[in-house]
Amino acid sequence: MSPAKCPICGKPTAPQHRPFCSLRCADVDLNRWLSGRYVVPASDDADRVAESDEDD
């Protein structure tokens, strides 16, 4: 089994920074989340449920 690779740079992961290889790559990933580069898509069903809850 090959070692896990860092999702940012592809180097082998370091146990203390898992799933990243270094603190730098962890910070790069955090910055991408905070700046909006990564987005978790919302479904229309979730919006409909929220709207119906507001109507009650």
N, C-alpha and C. Protein backbone atom coordinates (compact mmCIF):
# COMPACT_ATOMS: atom_id res chain seq x y z
N MET A 1 0.85 -1.17 0.00
CA MET A 1 0.00 0.00 0.00
C MET A 1 0.90 1.24 0.00
N SER A 2 0.64 2.16 -0.88
CA SER A 2 1.46 3.37 -0.97
C SER A 2 1.00 4.39 0.07
N PRO A 3 1.92 5.22 0.55
CA PRO A 3 1.54 6.23 1.55
C PRO A 3 0.56 7.24 0.96
N ALA A 4 -0.26 7.80 1.82
CA ALA A 4 -1.22 8.81 1.38
C ALA A 4 -0.48 10.04 0.89
N LYS A 5 -1.08 10.74 -0.06
CA LYS A 5 -0.45 11.92 -0.63
C LYS A 5 -1.20 13.17 -0.21
N CYS A 6 -0.46 14.24 -0.05
CA CYS A 6 -1.02 15.54 0.31
C CYS A 6 -1.95 16.01 -0.82
N PRO A 7 -3.17 16.44 -0.49
CA PRO A 7 -4.09 16.90 -1.54
C PRO A 7 -3.67 18.22 -2.19
N ILE A 8 -2.75 18.95 -1.58
CA ILE A 8 -2.31 20.23 -2.13
C ILE A 8 -1.14 20.06 -3.07
N CYS A 9 -0.08 19.35 -2.62
CA CYS A 9 1.14 19.27 -3.44
C CYS A 9 1.49 17.87 -3.92
N GLY A 10 0.87 16.84 -3.35
CA GLY A 10 1.13 15.47 -3.79
C GLY A 10 2.26 14.76 -3.08
N LYS A 11 2.94 15.42 -2.15
CA LYS A 11 4.01 14.77 -1.38
C LYS A 11 3.38 13.82 -0.35
N PRO A 12 4.16 12.88 0.19
CA PRO A 12 3.63 12.00 1.24
C PRO A 12 3.19 12.81 2.46
N THR A 13 2.13 12.36 3.11
CA THR A 13 1.61 13.09 4.27
C THR A 13 2.51 12.91 5.48
N ALA A 14 2.46 13.88 6.37
CA ALA A 14 3.17 13.83 7.64
C ALA A 14 2.14 13.57 8.74
N PRO A 15 2.42 12.64 9.66
CA PRO A 15 1.43 12.31 10.69
C PRO A 15 0.93 13.52 11.49
N GLN A 16 1.79 14.46 11.80
CA GLN A 16 1.37 15.60 12.61
C GLN A 16 0.53 16.62 11.83
N HIS A 17 0.50 16.53 10.51
CA HIS A 17 -0.28 17.47 9.69
C HIS A 17 -1.30 16.76 8.80
N ARG A 18 -1.56 15.51 9.07
CA ARG A 18 -2.42 14.71 8.23
C ARG A 18 -3.75 15.38 7.97
N PRO A 19 -4.28 15.43 6.79
CA PRO A 19 -3.90 14.72 5.58
C PRO A 19 -2.90 15.48 4.72
N PHE A 20 -2.25 16.48 5.28
CA PHE A 20 -1.30 17.30 4.52
C PHE A 20 0.13 16.88 4.83
N CYS A 21 1.08 17.40 4.05
CA CYS A 21 2.48 17.07 4.27
C CYS A 21 3.16 18.07 5.20
N SER A 22 2.58 19.25 5.35
CA SER A 22 3.21 20.29 6.15
C SER A 22 2.16 21.30 6.62
N LEU A 23 2.56 22.13 7.54
CA LEU A 23 1.68 23.19 8.02
C LEU A 23 1.36 24.16 6.88
N ARG A 24 2.32 24.38 6.00
CA ARG A 24 2.11 25.28 4.86
C ARG A 24 0.94 24.81 4.00
N CYS A 25 0.93 23.51 3.65
CA CYS A 25 -0.16 22.99 2.82
C CYS A 25 -1.50 23.03 3.57
N ALA A 26 -1.47 22.79 4.88
CA ALA A 26 -2.69 22.91 5.67
C ALA A 26 -3.21 24.34 5.63
N ASP A 27 -2.32 25.31 5.73
CA ASP A 27 -2.71 26.72 5.68
C ASP A 27 -3.23 27.12 4.30
N VAL A 28 -2.63 26.57 3.25
CA VAL A 28 -3.11 26.84 1.89
C VAL A 28 -4.55 26.34 1.76
N ASP A 29 -4.82 25.15 2.26
CA ASP A 29 -6.16 24.58 2.20
C ASP A 29 -7.15 25.43 3.00
N LEU A 30 -6.77 25.84 4.20
CA LEU A 30 -7.64 26.69 5.02
C LEU A 30 -7.93 28.00 4.31
N ASN A 31 -6.93 28.61 3.71
CA ASN A 31 -7.13 29.86 2.99
C ASN A 31 -8.11 29.67 1.82
N ARG A 32 -8.03 28.55 1.15
CA ARG A 32 -8.96 28.29 0.05
C ARG A 32 -10.40 28.19 0.55
N TRP A 33 -10.61 27.57 1.71
CA TRP A 33 -11.95 27.51 2.28
C TRP A 33 -12.43 28.90 2.69
N LEU A 34 -11.58 29.64 3.36
CA LEU A 34 -11.98 30.95 3.87
C LEU A 34 -12.19 31.98 2.78
N SER A 35 -11.49 31.84 1.66
CA SER A 35 -11.64 32.80 0.57
C SER A 35 -12.77 32.43 -0.39
N GLY A 36 -13.40 31.28 -0.19
CA GLY A 36 -14.53 30.89 -1.02
C GLY A 36 -14.17 30.09 -2.25
N ARG A 37 -12.93 29.67 -2.40
CA ARG A 37 -12.55 28.84 -3.55
C ARG A 37 -13.19 27.47 -3.49
N TYR A 38 -13.36 26.96 -2.27
CA TYR A 38 -14.07 25.69 -2.09
C TYR A 38 -15.49 26.03 -1.66
N VAL A 39 -16.46 25.37 -2.26
CA VAL A 39 -17.85 25.62 -1.91
C VAL A 39 -18.57 24.28 -1.81
N VAL A 40 -19.34 24.13 -0.77
CA VAL A 40 -20.17 22.95 -0.62
C VAL A 40 -21.51 23.29 -1.26
N PRO A 41 -21.87 22.58 -2.34
CA PRO A 41 -23.11 22.93 -3.02
C PRO A 41 -24.33 22.60 -2.17
N ALA A 42 -25.32 23.46 -2.25
CA ALA A 42 -26.59 23.24 -1.56
C ALA A 42 -27.60 22.72 -2.56
N SER A 43 -28.48 21.88 -2.10
CA SER A 43 -29.51 21.35 -3.00
C SER A 43 -30.77 22.20 -2.88
N ASP A 44 -31.61 22.14 -3.89
CA ASP A 44 -32.87 22.87 -3.87
C ASP A 44 -33.79 22.34 -2.78
N ASP A 45 -33.69 21.04 -2.48
CA ASP A 45 -34.54 20.45 -1.45
C ASP A 45 -34.28 21.10 -0.09
N ALA A 46 -33.04 21.38 0.23
CA ALA A 46 -32.72 22.02 1.50
C ALA A 46 -33.31 23.43 1.55
N ASP A 47 -33.29 24.14 0.43
CA ASP A 47 -33.88 25.48 0.37
C ASP A 47 -35.39 25.41 0.57
N ARG A 48 -36.04 24.44 -0.01
CA ARG A 48 -37.49 24.29 0.12
C ARG A 48 -37.87 23.98 1.57
N VAL A 49 -37.10 23.14 2.23
CA VAL A 49 -37.38 22.81 3.63
C VAL A 49 -37.22 24.06 4.49
N ALA A 50 -36.20 24.85 4.26
CA ALA A 50 -35.98 26.07 5.03
C ALA A 50 -37.12 27.06 4.80
N GLU A 51 -37.58 27.18 3.57
CA GLU A 51 -38.67 28.10 3.26
C GLU A 51 -39.96 27.65 3.92
N SER A 52 -40.24 26.34 3.92
CA SER A 52 -41.47 25.86 4.51
C SER A 52 -41.44 26.03 6.04
N ASP A 53 -40.26 25.94 6.65
CA ASP A 53 -40.15 26.16 8.09
C ASP A 53 -40.43 27.62 8.43
N GLU A 54 -40.04 28.55 7.56
CA GLU A 54 -40.27 29.97 7.81
C GLU A 54 -41.74 30.32 7.70
N ASP A 55 -42.49 29.61 6.85
CA ASP A 55 -43.91 29.88 6.65
C ASP A 55 -44.76 29.48 7.86
N ASP A 56 -44.27 28.56 8.68
CA ASP A 56 -45.06 28.06 9.82
C ASP A 56 -45.16 29.04 10.92
